[in-house]
C-alpha atoms as a PDB file:
ATOM      1  CA  MET A   1      79.327  22.421 157.077  1.00  0.00           C
ATOM      2  CA  ALA A   2      76.233  24.254 156.000  1.00  0.00           C
ATOM      3  CA  ALA A   3      76.284  26.253 152.796  1.00  0.00           C
ATOM      4  CA  ALA A   4      76.426  30.022 153.281  1.00  0.00           C
ATOM      5  CA  LEU A   5      73.217  31.852 152.554  1.00  0.00           C
ATOM      6  CA  PRO A   6      73.437  34.532 149.864  1.00  0.00           C
ATOM      7  CA  LEU A   7      73.217  38.092 151.142  1.00  0.00           C
ATOM      8  CA  THR A   8      70.335  40.126 149.820  1.00  0.00           C
ATOM      9  CA  PRO A   9      70.206  43.916 150.059  1.00  0.00           C
ATOM     10  CA  VAL A  10      67.830  45.368 152.612  1.00  0.00           C
ATOM     11  CA  GLY A  11      65.526  48.178 151.547  1.00  0.00           C
ATOM     12  CA  PRO A  12      64.048  49.311 148.257  1.00  0.00           C
ATOM     13  CA  SER A  13      65.847  48.893 144.976  1.00  0.00           C
ATOM     14  CA  PRO A  14      67.485  51.989 143.454  1.00  0.00           C
ATOM     15  CA  ALA A  15      64.586  52.375 140.990  1.00  0.00           C
ATOM     16  CA  ARG A  16      62.000  52.118 143.771  1.00  0.00           C
ATOM     17  CA  ARG A  17      64.012  54.548 145.918  1.00  0.00           C
ATOM     18  CA  ALA A  18      63.974  57.065 143.039  1.00  0.00           C
ATOM     19  CA  VAL A  19      60.183  56.767 142.730  1.00  0.00           C
ATOM     20  CA  LEU A  20      59.689  57.212 146.472  1.00  0.00           C
ATOM     21  CA  THR A  21      62.073  60.176 146.585  1.00  0.00           C
ATOM     22  CA  ARG A  22      60.185  61.873 143.747  1.00  0.00           C
ATOM     23  CA  ARG A  23      56.849  61.290 145.527  1.00  0.00           C
ATOM     24  CA  VAL A  24      58.179  62.767 148.772  1.00  0.00           C
ATOM     25  CA  ARG A  25      59.506  65.830 146.935  1.00  0.00           C
ATOM     26  CA  LEU A  26      56.133  66.342 145.205  1.00  0.00           C
ATOM     27  CA  PHE A  27      54.328  65.981 148.527  1.00  0.00           C
ATOM     28  CA  VAL A  28      56.653  68.543 150.132  1.00  0.00           C
ATOM     29  CA  ALA A  29      56.138  70.948 147.222  1.00  0.00           C
ATOM     30  CA  ALA A  30      52.361  70.574 147.542  1.00  0.00           C
ATOM     31  CA  THR A  31      52.565  71.156 151.307  1.00  0.00           C
ATOM     32  CA  ILE A  32      54.665  74.294 150.886  1.00  0.00           C
ATOM     33  CA  THR A  33      52.304  75.617 148.201  1.00  0.00           C
ATOM     34  CA  TYR A  34      49.252  74.964 150.379  1.00  0.00           C
ATOM     35  CA  ASN A  35      50.898  76.640 153.376  1.00  0.00           C
ATOM     36  CA  ALA A  36      51.831  79.692 151.302  1.00  0.00           C
ATOM     37  CA  ILE A  37      48.260  80.043 150.061  1.00  0.00           C
ATOM     38  CA  GLU A  38      46.927  79.535 153.590  1.00  0.00           C
ATOM     39  CA  ALA A  39      49.301  82.221 154.909  1.00  0.00           C
ATOM     40  CA  ALA A  40      48.218  84.664 152.203  1.00  0.00           C
ATOM     41  CA  VAL A  41      44.552  84.068 153.022  1.00  0.00           C
ATOM     42  CA  ALA A  42      45.201  84.468 156.767  1.00  0.00           C
ATOM     43  CA  LEU A  43      47.155  87.675 156.266  1.00  0.00           C
ATOM     44  CA  THR A  44      44.472  89.062 153.969  1.00  0.00           C
ATOM     45  CA  ALA A  45      41.708  88.133 156.419  1.00  0.00           C
ATOM     46  CA  GLY A  46      43.691  89.606 159.302  1.00  0.00           C
ATOM     47  CA  THR A  47      44.313  92.824 157.401  1.00  0.00           C
ATOM     48  CA  LEU A  48      40.656  93.151 156.394  1.00  0.00           C
ATOM     49  CA  ALA A  49      39.588  92.520 159.993  1.00  0.00           C
ATOM     50  CA  SER A  50      42.334  94.823 161.326  1.00  0.00           C
ATOM     51  CA  SER A  51      43.481  92.002 163.536  1.00  0.00           C
ATOM     52  CA  THR A  52      46.991  90.923 164.454  1.00  0.00           C
ATOM     53  CA  ALA A  53      45.806  87.691 166.089  1.00  0.00           C
ATOM     54  CA  LEU A  54      45.688  85.783 162.790  1.00  0.00           C
ATOM     55  CA  MET A  55      49.146  86.979 161.820  1.00  0.00           C
ATOM     56  CA  SER A  56      50.717  85.776 165.083  1.00  0.00           C
ATOM     57  CA  VAL A  57      49.459  82.226 164.537  1.00  0.00           C
ATOM     58  CA  LEU A  58      51.398  81.686 161.316  1.00  0.00           C
ATOM     59  CA  ARG A  59      54.301  79.264 161.638  1.00  0.00           C
ATOM     60  CA  PRO A  60      57.144  78.520 159.230  1.00  0.00           C
ATOM     61  CA  GLN A  61      55.618  75.182 158.248  1.00  0.00           C
ATOM     62  CA  SER A  62      57.390  75.075 154.926  1.00  0.00           C
ATOM     63  CA  GLU A  63      60.725  74.885 156.729  1.00  0.00           C
ATOM     64  CA  GLN A  64      59.388  72.083 158.924  1.00  0.00           C
ATOM     65  CA  ALA A  65      58.144  70.161 155.901  1.00  0.00           C
ATOM     66  CA  ASP A  66      61.427  70.652 154.087  1.00  0.00           C
ATOM     67  CA  GLY A  67      63.400  69.460 157.105  1.00  0.00           C
ATOM     68  CA  CYS A  68      61.173  66.422 157.462  1.00  0.00           C
ATOM     69  CA  ALA A  69      61.585  65.558 153.798  1.00  0.00           C
ATOM     70  CA  ASP A  70      65.359  65.781 154.127  1.00  0.00           C
ATOM     71  CA  ASP A  71      65.260  63.371 157.058  1.00  0.00           C
ATOM     72  CA  CYS A  72      62.974  60.974 155.187  1.00  0.00           C
ATOM     73  CA  CYS A  73      64.918  61.035 151.924  1.00  0.00           C
ATOM     74  CA  ASN A  74      68.413  60.862 153.386  1.00  0.00           C
ATOM     75  CA  PRO A  75      68.397  58.542 156.417  1.00  0.00           C
ATOM     76  CA  GLN A  76      72.087  57.736 155.826  1.00  0.00           C
ATOM     77  CA  GLU A  77      73.072  61.391 156.176  1.00  0.00           C
ATOM     78  CA  LYS A  78      71.007  61.739 159.342  1.00  0.00           C
ATOM     79  CA  SER A  79      73.053  59.041 161.070  1.00  0.00           C
ATOM     80  CA  LEU A  80      76.391  60.701 160.227  1.00  0.00           C
END
């Protein structure tokens, strides 16, 4: 009989997972901040130009980024 091979965990170690999770959260925070600033600039430009076209283009990107980060950080919860 052949000797059984030891099982090794698949995926990053808990320490590496913590680092990656922190990086994703920082990236999401930066994205939300950028989108908020971009929205403020677009609304200001639209108001100064008396235009509603710029205001109708704005999308809730911060919610999309937050949802994406949740999916990326918690793949186990996504499969439940």
